[in-house]
Amino acid sequence: MVVRFAPGLDEHNRARAGRPFAIPLSISRQEGAPAAPLRSVTMQASYDRGHTWRAAQVWRMGDHAVALVHHPDGEGLVSLRATAVDEGGNSVEQTIRDAYRLRE
């Protein structure tokens, strides 16, 4: 499995600081691999290059989800980490350091 993050960013790979921000997620599997239903999807964001993580609220619909993070004020970088577990016991934890920038 792989987690695909699809945040709506501007042309400079940035999102607005100081506000809630929705990040669509999708879970993909290798072609031909068994596709057991997902049991859980979680996501976290870090604003200090992965030293500390904040849990996001996640709403899941099948193999798709939307995570809501709360960007702090100020410029900086956002790292993302997601975990997905299916009913067959398969799991993935995926981290993207410095996934995008914040702007005022």
PDB file of N, CA and C in Angstrom:
ATOM      1  N   MET A   1       0.842  -1.180   0.000  1.00  0.00           N
ATOM      2  CA  MET A   1       0.000   0.000   0.000  1.00  0.00           C
ATOM      3  C   MET A   1       0.882   1.237   0.000  1.00  0.00           C
ATOM      4  N   VAL A   2       0.301   2.304  -0.497  1.00  0.00           N
ATOM      5  CA  VAL A   2       0.970   3.601  -0.476  1.00  0.00           C
ATOM      6  C   VAL A   2      -0.090   4.661  -0.183  1.00  0.00           C
ATOM      7  N   VAL A   3       0.306   5.676   0.553  1.00  0.00           N
ATOM      8  CA  VAL A   3      -0.584   6.798   0.836  1.00  0.00           C
ATOM      9  C   VAL A   3      -0.219   7.935  -0.110  1.00  0.00           C
ATOM     10  N   ARG A   4      -1.217   8.479  -0.762  1.00  0.00           N
ATOM     11  CA  ARG A   4      -1.007   9.612  -1.656  1.00  0.00           C
ATOM     12  C   ARG A   4      -1.662  10.845  -1.020  1.00  0.00           C
ATOM     13  N   PHE A   5      -0.847  11.864  -0.769  1.00  0.00           N
ATOM     14  CA  PHE A   5      -1.315  13.124  -0.217  1.00  0.00           C
ATOM     15  C   PHE A   5      -1.613  14.060  -1.388  1.00  0.00           C
ATOM     16  N   ALA A   6      -2.729  14.788  -1.326  1.00  0.00           N
ATOM     17  CA  ALA A   6      -3.083  15.689  -2.428  1.00  0.00           C
ATOM     18  C   ALA A   6      -3.532  17.065  -1.908  1.00  0.00           C
ATOM     19  N   PRO A   7      -2.657  17.771  -1.173  1.00  0.00           N
ATOM     20  CA  PRO A   7      -3.061  19.086  -0.668  1.00  0.00           C
ATOM     21  C   PRO A   7      -3.200  20.094  -1.816  1.00  0.00           C
ATOM     22  N   GLY A   8      -4.152  20.994  -1.676  1.00  0.00           N
ATOM     23  CA  GLY A   8      -4.339  22.052  -2.674  1.00  0.00           C
ATOM     24  C   GLY A   8      -3.375  23.196  -2.404  1.00  0.00           C
ATOM     25  N   LEU A   9      -2.260  23.201  -3.087  1.00  0.00           N
ATOM     26  CA  LEU A   9      -1.198  24.187  -2.869  1.00  0.00           C
ATOM     27  C   LEU A   9      -1.162  25.199  -4.006  1.00  0.00           C
ATOM     28  N   ASP A  10      -0.511  26.338  -3.761  1.00  0.00           N
ATOM     29  CA  ASP A  10      -0.365  27.330  -4.831  1.00  0.00           C
ATOM     30  C   ASP A  10       0.772  26.916  -5.769  1.00  0.00           C
ATOM     31  N   GLU A  11       1.031  27.755  -6.752  1.00  0.00           N
ATOM     32  CA  GLU A  11       2.050  27.427  -7.772  1.00  0.00           C
ATOM     33  C   GLU A  11       3.468  27.366  -7.217  1.00  0.00           C
ATOM     34  N   HIS A  12       3.665  27.789  -5.970  1.00  0.00           N
ATOM     35  CA  HIS A  12       4.980  27.732  -5.334  1.00  0.00           C
ATOM     36  C   HIS A  12       5.034  26.664  -4.246  1.00  0.00           C
ATOM     37  N   ASN A  13       4.075  25.713  -4.277  1.00  0.00           N
ATOM     38  CA  ASN A  13       4.029  24.599  -3.325  1.00  0.00           C
ATOM     39  C   ASN A  13       3.824  25.099  -1.893  1.00  0.00           C
ATOM     40  N   ARG A  14       2.916  26.088  -1.728  1.00  0.00           N
ATOM     41  CA  ARG A  14       2.661  26.694  -0.425  1.00  0.00           C
ATOM     42  C   ARG A  14       1.170  26.654  -0.094  1.00  0.00           C
ATOM     43  N   ALA A  15       0.892  26.688   1.228  1.00  0.00           N
ATOM     44  CA  ALA A  15      -0.472  26.809   1.746  1.00  0.00           C
ATOM     45  C   ALA A  15      -0.505  27.961   2.732  1.00  0.00           C
ATOM     46  N   ARG A  16      -1.686  28.480   3.007  1.00  0.00           N
ATOM     47  CA  ARG A  16      -1.838  29.605   3.922  1.00  0.00           C
ATOM     48  C   ARG A  16      -1.567  29.183   5.361  1.00  0.00           C
ATOM     49  N   ALA A  17      -0.835  29.998   6.086  1.00  0.00           N
ATOM     50  CA  ALA A  17      -0.544  29.786   7.505  1.00  0.00           C
ATOM     51  C   ALA A  17      -1.724  30.297   8.340  1.00  0.00           C
ATOM     52  N   GLY A  18      -1.790  29.830   9.586  1.00  0.00           N
ATOM     53  CA  GLY A  18      -2.734  30.365  10.544  1.00  0.00           C
ATOM     54  C   GLY A  18      -4.181  29.990  10.333  1.00  0.00           C
ATOM     55  N   ARG A  19      -4.427  28.869   9.679  1.00  0.00           N
ATOM     56  CA  ARG A  19      -5.819  28.468   9.452  1.00  0.00           C
ATOM     57  C   ARG A  19      -5.931  26.960   9.260  1.00  0.00           C
ATOM     58  N   PRO A  20      -7.142  26.429   9.399  1.00  0.00           N
ATOM     59  CA  PRO A  20      -7.351  25.003   9.108  1.00  0.00           C
ATOM     60  C   PRO A  20      -7.100  24.729   7.623  1.00  0.00           C
ATOM     61  N   PHE A  21      -6.675  23.502   7.329  1.00  0.00           N
ATOM     62  CA  PHE A  21      -6.328  23.145   5.951  1.00  0.00           C
ATOM     63  C   PHE A  21      -6.682  21.676   5.733  1.00  0.00           C
ATOM     64  N   ALA A  22      -7.486  21.401   4.726  1.00  0.00           N
ATOM     65  CA  ALA A  22      -7.905  20.031   4.404  1.00  0.00           C
ATOM     66  C   ALA A  22      -6.923  19.398   3.422  1.00  0.00           C
ATOM     67  N   ILE A  23      -6.547  18.160   3.706  1.00  0.00           N
ATOM     68  CA  ILE A  23      -5.618  17.427   2.844  1.00  0.00           C
ATOM     69  C   ILE A  23      -6.279  16.119   2.420  1.00  0.00           C
ATOM     70  N   PRO A  24      -6.666  15.993   1.141  1.00  0.00           N
ATOM     71  CA  PRO A  24      -7.202  14.719   0.664  1.00  0.00           C
ATOM     72  C   PRO A  24      -6.105  13.647   0.647  1.00  0.00           C
ATOM     73  N   LEU A  25      -6.487  12.431   1.005  1.00  0.00           N
ATOM     74  CA  LEU A  25      -5.585  11.275   0.996  1.00  0.00           C
ATOM     75  C   LEU A  25      -6.236  10.162   0.200  1.00  0.00           C
ATOM     76  N   SER A  26      -5.427   9.341  -0.443  1.00  0.00           N
ATOM     77  CA  SER A  26      -5.943   8.116  -1.046  1.00  0.00           C
ATOM     78  C   SER A  26      -4.932   7.000  -0.794  1.00  0.00           C
ATOM     79  N   ILE A  27      -5.456   5.800  -0.651  1.00  0.00           N
ATOM     80  CA  ILE A  27      -4.627   4.622  -0.413  1.00  0.00           C
ATOM     81  C   ILE A  27      -4.642   3.793  -1.687  1.00  0.00           C
ATOM     82  N   SER A  28      -3.468   3.493  -2.207  1.00  0.00           N
ATOM     83  CA  SER A  28      -3.345   2.683  -3.417  1.00  0.00           C
ATOM     84  C   SER A  28      -2.607   1.391  -3.078  1.00  0.00           C
ATOM     85  N   ARG A  29      -2.905   0.381  -3.866  1.00  0.00           N
ATOM     86  CA  ARG A  29      -2.239  -0.915  -3.712  1.00  0.00           C
ATOM     87  C   ARG A  29      -1.606  -1.304  -5.041  1.00  0.00           C
ATOM     88  N   GLN A  30      -0.600  -2.146  -4.957  1.00  0.00           N
ATOM     89  CA  GLN A  30       0.045  -2.630  -6.172  1.00  0.00           C
ATOM     90  C   GLN A  30      -0.973  -3.402  -6.996  1.00  0.00           C
ATOM     91  N   GLU A  31      -0.935  -3.212  -8.303  1.00  0.00           N
ATOM     92  CA  GLU A  31      -1.869  -3.910  -9.187  1.00  0.00           C
ATOM     93  C   GLU A  31      -1.787  -5.411  -8.964  1.00  0.00           C
ATOM     94  N   GLY A  32      -2.935  -6.043  -8.778  1.00  0.00           N
ATOM     95  CA  GLY A  32      -3.005  -7.486  -8.563  1.00  0.00           C
ATOM     96  C   GLY A  32      -2.879  -7.908  -7.112  1.00  0.00           C
ATOM     97  N   ALA A  33      -2.534  -6.980  -6.230  1.00  0.00           N
ATOM     98  CA  ALA A  33      -2.414  -7.309  -4.800  1.00  0.00           C
ATOM     99  C   ALA A  33      -3.810  -7.432  -4.193  1.00  0.00           C
ATOM    100  N   PRO A  34      -3.963  -8.281  -3.172  1.00  0.00           N
ATOM    101  CA  PRO A  34      -5.264  -8.380  -2.509  1.00  0.00           C
ATOM    102  C   PRO A  34      -5.667  -7.014  -1.948  1.00  0.00           C
ATOM    103  N   ALA A  35      -6.939  -6.708  -2.042  1.00  0.00           N
ATOM    104  CA  ALA A  35      -7.427  -5.407  -1.599  1.00  0.00           C
ATOM    105  C   ALA A  35      -8.414  -5.577  -0.453  1.00  0.00           C
ATOM    106  N   ALA A  36      -7.907  -5.907   0.723  1.00  0.00           N
ATOM    107  CA  ALA A  36      -8.767  -6.012   1.900  1.00  0.00           C
ATOM    108  C   ALA A  36      -9.257  -4.621   2.269  1.00  0.00           C
ATOM    109  N   PRO A  37     -10.476  -4.513   2.796  1.00  0.00           N
ATOM    110  CA  PRO A  37     -10.986  -3.198   3.199  1.00  0.00           C
ATOM    111  C   PRO A  37     -10.089  -2.555   4.262  1.00  0.00           C
ATOM    112  N   LEU A  38     -10.001  -1.241   4.216  1.00  0.00           N
ATOM    113  CA  LEU A  38      -9.208  -0.524   5.212  1.00  0.00           C
ATOM    114  C   LEU A  38      -9.876  -0.584   6.573  1.00  0.00           C
ATOM    115  N   ARG A  39      -9.069  -0.759   7.599  1.00  0.00           N
ATOM    116  CA  ARG A  39      -9.540  -0.730   8.980  1.00  0.00           C
ATOM    117  C   ARG A  39      -9.377   0.672   9.554  1.00  0.00           C
ATOM    118  N   SER A  40      -8.242   1.315   9.254  1.00  0.00           N
ATOM    119  CA  SER A  40      -8.015   2.651   9.811  1.00  0.00           C
ATOM    120  C   SER A  40      -7.023   3.433   8.964  1.00  0.00           C
ATOM    121  N   VAL A  41      -7.167   4.756   9.040  1.00  0.00           N
ATOM    122  CA  VAL A  41      -6.228   5.696   8.422  1.00  0.00           C
ATOM    123  C   VAL A  41      -6.023   6.823   9.426  1.00  0.00           C
ATOM    124  N   THR A  42      -4.774   7.127   9.722  1.00  0.00           N
ATOM    125  CA  THR A  42      -4.469   8.257  10.596  1.00  0.00           C
ATOM    126  C   THR A  42      -3.459   9.151   9.888  1.00  0.00           C
ATOM    127  N   MET A  43      -3.427  10.414  10.275  1.00  0.00           N
ATOM    128  CA  MET A  43      -2.449  11.333   9.710  1.00  0.00           C
ATOM    129  C   MET A  43      -2.005  12.321  10.770  1.00  0.00           C
ATOM    130  N   GLN A  44      -0.750  12.730  10.663  1.00  0.00           N
ATOM    131  CA  GLN A  44      -0.171  13.718  11.562  1.00  0.00           C
ATOM    132  C   GLN A  44       0.609  14.733  10.732  1.00  0.00           C
ATOM    133  N   ALA A  45       0.763  15.932  11.288  1.00  0.00           N
ATOM    134  CA  ALA A  45       1.566  16.977  10.650  1.00  0.00           C
ATOM    135  C   ALA A  45       2.601  17.477  11.639  1.00  0.00           C
ATOM    136  N   SER A  46       3.754  17.862  11.115  1.00  0.00           N
ATOM    137  CA  SER A  46       4.816  18.439  11.931  1.00  0.00           C
ATOM    138  C   SER A  46       5.209  19.776  11.328  1.00  0.00           C
ATOM    139  N   TYR A  47       5.437  20.747  12.204  1.00  0.00           N
ATOM    140  CA  TYR A  47       5.834  22.079  11.771  1.00  0.00           C
ATOM    141  C   TYR A  47       7.258  22.408  12.216  1.00  0.00           C
ATOM    142  N   ASP A  48       7.965  21.378  12.726  1.00  0.00           N
ATOM    143  CA  ASP A  48       9.349  21.572  13.186  1.00  0.00           C
ATOM    144  C   ASP A  48      10.269  20.474  12.637  1.00  0.00           C
ATOM    145  N   ARG A  49      10.025  20.107  11.361  1.00  0.00           N
ATOM    146  CA  ARG A  49      10.854  19.139  10.629  1.00  0.00           C
ATOM    147  C   ARG A  49      10.830  17.755  11.245  1.00  0.00           C
ATOM    148  N   GLY A  50       9.691  17.374  11.857  1.00  0.00           N
ATOM    149  CA  GLY A  50       9.512  16.019  12.358  1.00  0.00           C
ATOM    150  C   GLY A  50       9.915  15.792  13.796  1.00  0.00           C
ATOM    151  N   HIS A  51      10.261  16.846  14.526  1.00  0.00           N
ATOM    152  CA  HIS A  51      10.616  16.663  15.940  1.00  0.00           C
ATOM    153  C   HIS A  51       9.382  16.369  16.779  1.00  0.00           C
ATOM    154  N   THR A  52       8.284  17.054  16.495  1.00  0.00           N
ATOM    155  CA  THR A  52       7.018  16.779  17.176  1.00  0.00           C
ATOM    156  C   THR A  52       5.919  16.668  16.126  1.00  0.00           C
ATOM    157  N   TRP A  53       4.892  15.898  16.437  1.00  0.00           N
ATOM    158  CA  TRP A  53       3.806  15.625  15.504  1.00  0.00           C
ATOM    159  C   TRP A  53       2.476  15.963  16.153  1.00  0.00           C
ATOM    160  N   ARG A  54       1.545  16.501  15.351  1.00  0.00           N
ATOM    161  CA  ARG A  54       0.195  16.822  15.800  1.00  0.00           C
ATOM    162  C   ARG A  54      -0.791  15.963  15.011  1.00  0.00           C
ATOM    163  N   ALA A  55      -1.675  15.279  15.720  1.00  0.00           N
ATOM    164  CA  ALA A  55      -2.678  14.441  15.057  1.00  0.00           C
ATOM    165  C   ALA A  55      -3.670  15.303  14.293  1.00  0.00           C
ATOM    166  N   ALA A  56      -4.069  14.841  13.135  1.00  0.00           N
ATOM    167  CA  ALA A  56      -5.097  15.494  12.327  1.00  0.00           C
ATOM    168  C   ALA A  56      -6.407  14.733  12.497  1.00  0.00           C
ATOM    169  N   GLN A  57      -7.510  15.432  12.336  1.00  0.00           N
ATOM    170  CA  GLN A  57      -8.800  14.758  12.263  1.00  0.00           C
ATOM    171  C   GLN A  57      -8.879  14.133  10.880  1.00  0.00           C
ATOM    172  N   VAL A  58      -9.351  12.888  10.804  1.00  0.00           N
ATOM    173  CA  VAL A  58      -9.428  12.186   9.520  1.00  0.00           C
ATOM    174  C   VAL A  58     -10.830  11.626   9.332  1.00  0.00           C
ATOM    175  N   TRP A  59     -11.413  11.898   8.155  1.00  0.00           N
ATOM    176  CA  TRP A  59     -12.682  11.304   7.765  1.00  0.00           C
ATOM    177  C   TRP A  59     -12.394  10.402   6.578  1.00  0.00           C
ATOM    178  N   ARG A  60     -12.800   9.121   6.704  1.00  0.00           N
ATOM    179  CA  ARG A  60     -12.481   8.130   5.675  1.00  0.00           C
ATOM    180  C   ARG A  60     -13.741   7.665   4.967  1.00  0.00           C
ATOM    181  N   MET A  61     -13.604   7.474   3.640  1.00  0.00           N
ATOM    182  CA  MET A  61     -14.654   6.916   2.798  1.00  0.00           C
ATOM    183  C   MET A  61     -14.005   5.886   1.883  1.00  0.00           C
ATOM    184  N   GLY A  62     -14.041   4.621   2.275  1.00  0.00           N
ATOM    185  CA  GLY A  62     -13.373   3.588   1.489  1.00  0.00           C
ATOM    186  C   GLY A  62     -11.869   3.789   1.504  1.00  0.00           C
ATOM    187  N   ASP A  63     -11.264   3.829   0.319  1.00  0.00           N
ATOM    188  CA  ASP A  63      -9.818   4.011   0.196  1.00  0.00           C
ATOM    189  C   ASP A  63      -9.420   5.483   0.088  1.00  0.00           C
ATOM    190  N   HIS A  64     -10.342   6.384   0.379  1.00  0.00           N
ATOM    191  CA  HIS A  64     -10.079   7.825   0.324  1.00  0.00           C
ATOM    192  C   HIS A  64     -10.380   8.438   1.682  1.00  0.00           C
ATOM    193  N   ALA A  65      -9.713   9.535   1.980  1.00  0.00           N
ATOM    194  CA  ALA A  65      -9.926  10.225   3.254  1.00  0.00           C
ATOM    195  C   ALA A  65      -9.606  11.701   3.078  1.00  0.00           C
ATOM    196  N   VAL A  66     -10.057  12.474   4.044  1.00  0.00           N
ATOM    197  CA  VAL A  66      -9.688  13.883   4.129  1.00  0.00           C
ATOM    198  C   VAL A  66      -9.197  14.123   5.543  1.00  0.00           C
ATOM    199  N   ALA A  67      -8.005  14.704   5.660  1.00  0.00           N
ATOM    200  CA  ALA A  67      -7.426  15.041   6.966  1.00  0.00           C
ATOM    201  C   ALA A  67      -7.487  16.549   7.147  1.00  0.00           C
ATOM    202  N   LEU A  68      -7.830  16.979   8.350  1.00  0.00           N
ATOM    203  CA  LEU A  68      -7.880  18.404   8.657  1.00  0.00           C
ATOM    204  C   LEU A  68      -6.755  18.727   9.629  1.00  0.00           C
ATOM    205  N   VAL A  69      -5.831  19.599   9.181  1.00  0.00           N
ATOM    206  CA  VAL A  69      -4.735  20.065  10.032  1.00  0.00           C
ATOM    207  C   VAL A  69      -4.976  21.540  10.340  1.00  0.00           C
ATOM    208  N   HIS A  70      -4.310  22.042  11.362  1.00  0.00           N
ATOM    209  CA  HIS A  70      -4.423  23.452  11.739  1.00  0.00           C
ATOM    210  C   HIS A  70      -3.041  24.082  11.638  1.00  0.00           C
ATOM    211  N   HIS A  71      -2.799  24.792  10.544  1.00  0.00           N
ATOM    212  CA  HIS A  71      -1.505  25.425  10.319  1.00  0.00           C
ATOM    213  C   HIS A  71      -1.276  26.533  11.348  1.00  0.00           C
ATOM    214  N   PRO A  72      -0.072  26.585  11.914  1.00  0.00           N
ATOM    215  CA  PRO A  72       0.250  27.688  12.824  1.00  0.00           C
ATOM    216  C   PRO A  72       0.489  28.972  12.020  1.00  0.00           C
ATOM    217  N   ASP A  73       0.549  30.089  12.727  1.00  0.00           N
ATOM    218  CA  ASP A  73       0.889  31.364  12.099  1.00  0.00           C
ATOM    219  C   ASP A  73       2.356  31.350  11.678  1.00  0.00           C
ATOM    220  N   GLY A  74       2.685  32.139  10.679  1.00  0.00           N
ATOM    221  CA  GLY A  74       4.074  32.300  10.263  1.00  0.00           C
ATOM    222  C   GLY A  74       4.464  31.379   9.133  1.00  0.00           C
ATOM    223  N   GLU A  75       5.609  31.679   8.560  1.00  0.00           N
ATOM    224  CA  GLU A  75       6.132  30.856   7.482  1.00  0.00           C
ATOM    225  C   GLU A  75       6.856  29.651   8.057  1.00  0.00           C
ATOM    226  N   GLY A  76       7.023  28.619   7.259  1.00  0.00           N
ATOM    227  CA  GLY A  76       7.725  27.421   7.695  1.00  0.00           C
ATOM    228  C   GLY A  76       7.433  26.272   6.767  1.00  0.00           C
ATOM    229  N   LEU A  77       7.880  25.099   7.173  1.00  0.00           N
ATOM    230  CA  LEU A  77       7.698  23.880   6.396  1.00  0.00           C
ATOM    231  C   LEU A  77       6.747  22.940   7.120  1.00  0.00           C
ATOM    232  N   VAL A  78       6.023  22.137   6.348  1.00  0.00           N
ATOM    233  CA  VAL A  78       5.091  21.164   6.897  1.00  0.00           C
ATOM    234  C   VAL A  78       5.537  19.778   6.465  1.00  0.00           C
ATOM    235  N   SER A  79       5.666  18.875   7.423  1.00  0.00           N
ATOM    236  CA  SER A  79       5.927  17.464   7.141  1.00  0.00           C
ATOM    237  C   SER A  79       4.651  16.687   7.418  1.00  0.00           C
ATOM    238  N   LEU A  80       4.424  15.615   6.671  1.00  0.00           N
ATOM    239  CA  LEU A  80       3.218  14.814   6.807  1.00  0.00           C
ATOM    240  C   LEU A  80       3.571  13.361   7.070  1.00  0.00           C
ATOM    241  N   ARG A  81       2.752  12.707   7.902  1.00  0.00           N
ATOM    242  CA  ARG A  81       2.937  11.277   8.175  1.00  0.00           C
ATOM    243  C   ARG A  81       1.555  10.642   8.245  1.00  0.00           C
ATOM    244  N   ALA A  82       1.370   9.548   7.536  1.00  0.00           N
ATOM    245  CA  ALA A  82       0.093   8.835   7.547  1.00  0.00           C
ATOM    246  C   ALA A  82       0.337   7.351   7.757  1.00  0.00           C
ATOM    247  N   THR A  83      -0.636   6.706   8.395  1.00  0.00           N
ATOM    248  CA  THR A  83      -0.610   5.262   8.615  1.00  0.00           C
ATOM    249  C   THR A  83      -1.946   4.695   8.158  1.00  0.00           C
ATOM    250  N   ALA A  84      -1.907   3.594   7.428  1.00  0.00           N
ATOM    251  CA  ALA A  84      -3.119   2.900   7.002  1.00  0.00           C
ATOM    252  C   ALA A  84      -2.973   1.419   7.338  1.00  0.00           C
ATOM    253  N   VAL A  85      -4.053   0.826   7.828  1.00  0.00           N
ATOM    254  CA  VAL A  85      -4.087  -0.600   8.176  1.00  0.00           C
ATOM    255  C   VAL A  85      -5.340  -1.192   7.544  1.00  0.00           C
ATOM    256  N   ASP A  86      -5.199  -2.366   6.887  1.00  0.00           N
ATOM    257  CA  ASP A  86      -6.381  -2.990   6.307  1.00  0.00           C
ATOM    258  C   ASP A  86      -6.811  -4.201   7.126  1.00  0.00           C
ATOM    259  N   GLU A  87      -7.961  -4.753   6.775  1.00  0.00           N
ATOM    260  CA  GLU A  87      -8.530  -5.889   7.516  1.00  0.00           C
ATOM    261  C   GLU A  87      -7.689  -7.153   7.375  1.00  0.00           C
ATOM    262  N   GLY A  88      -6.800  -7.217   6.390  1.00  0.00           N
ATOM    263  CA  GLY A  88      -5.924  -8.369   6.205  1.00  0.00           C
ATOM    264  C   GLY A  88      -4.652  -8.293   7.030  1.00  0.00           C
ATOM    265  N   GLY A  89      -4.493  -7.215   7.815  1.00  0.00           N
ATOM    266  CA  GLY A  89      -3.303  -7.048   8.640  1.00  0.00           C
ATOM    267  C   GLY A  89      -2.160  -6.335   7.943  1.00  0.00           C
ATOM    268  N   ASN A  90      -2.360  -5.916   6.708  1.00  0.00           N
ATOM    269  CA  ASN A  90      -1.329  -5.159   5.989  1.00  0.00           C
ATOM    270  C   ASN A  90      -1.349  -3.712   6.473  1.00  0.00           C
ATOM    271  N   SER A  91      -0.181  -3.093   6.472  1.00  0.00           N
ATOM    272  CA  SER A  91      -0.122  -1.703   6.924  1.00  0.00           C
ATOM    273  C   SER A  91       0.995  -0.951   6.196  1.00  0.00           C
ATOM    274  N   VAL A  92       0.861   0.372   6.238  1.00  0.00           N
ATOM    275  CA  VAL A  92       1.888   1.242   5.697  1.00  0.00           C
ATOM    276  C   VAL A  92       1.975   2.460   6.603  1.00  0.00           C
ATOM    277  N   GLU A  93       3.200   2.912   6.863  1.00  0.00           N
ATOM    278  CA  GLU A  93       3.419   4.200   7.500  1.00  0.00           C
ATOM    279  C   GLU A  93       4.313   4.982   6.558  1.00  0.00           C
ATOM    280  N   GLN A  94       3.842   6.141   6.153  1.00  0.00           N
ATOM    281  CA  GLN A  94       4.556   6.922   5.150  1.00  0.00           C
ATOM    282  C   GLN A  94       4.773   8.333   5.673  1.00  0.00           C
ATOM    283  N   THR A  95       6.011   8.803   5.585  1.00  0.00           N
ATOM    284  CA  THR A  95       6.368  10.140   6.051  1.00  0.00           C
ATOM    285  C   THR A  95       6.977  10.932   4.899  1.00  0.00           C
ATOM    286  N   ILE A  96       6.510  12.167   4.742  1.00  0.00           N
ATOM    287  CA  ILE A  96       7.107  13.081   3.768  1.00  0.00           C
ATOM    288  C   ILE A  96       7.586  14.294   4.538  1.00  0.00           C
ATOM    289  N   ARG A  97       8.892  14.418   4.664  1.00  0.00           N
ATOM    290  CA  ARG A  97       9.481  15.562   5.353  1.00  0.00           C
ATOM    291  C   ARG A  97       9.459  16.774   4.412  1.00  0.00           C
ATOM    292  N   ASP A  98       9.141  17.929   4.974  1.00  0.00           N
ATOM    293  CA  ASP A  98       9.114  19.176   4.209  1.00  0.00           C
ATOM    294  C   ASP A  98       8.237  19.020   2.954  1.00  0.00           C
ATOM    295  N   ALA A  99       7.026  18.546   3.159  1.00  0.00           N
ATOM    296  CA  ALA A  99       6.104  18.295   2.040  1.00  0.00           C
ATOM    297  C   ALA A  99       5.701  19.582   1.326  1.00  0.00           C
ATOM    298  N   TYR A 100       5.506  20.654   2.093  1.00  0.00           N
ATOM    299  CA  TYR A 100       5.176  21.944   1.508  1.00  0.00           C
ATOM    300  C   TYR A 100       5.483  23.064   2.473  1.00  0.00           C
ATOM    301  N   ARG A 101       5.389  24.312   1.988  1.00  0.00           N
ATOM    302  CA  ARG A 101       5.703  25.503   2.786  1.00  0.00           C
ATOM    303  C   ARG A 101       4.423  26.211   3.210  1.00  0.00           C
ATOM    304  N   LEU A 102       4.552  26.962   4.306  1.00  0.00           N
ATOM    305  CA  LEU A 102       3.470  27.850   4.732  1.00  0.00           C
ATOM    306  C   LEU A 102       3.804  29.275   4.317  1.00  0.00           C
ATOM    307  N   ARG A 103       2.758  30.047   4.019  1.00  0.00           N
ATOM    308  CA  ARG A 103       2.927  31.457   3.685  1.00  0.00           C
ATOM    309  C   ARG A 103       1.875  32.254   4.440  1.00  0.00           C
ATOM    310  N   GLU A 104       2.189  33.505   4.682  1.00  0.00           N
ATOM    311  CA  GLU A 104       1.234  34.410   5.367  1.00  0.00           C
ATOM    312  C   GLU A 104       0.101  34.749   4.441  1.00  0.00           C
TER     313      GLU A 104
END
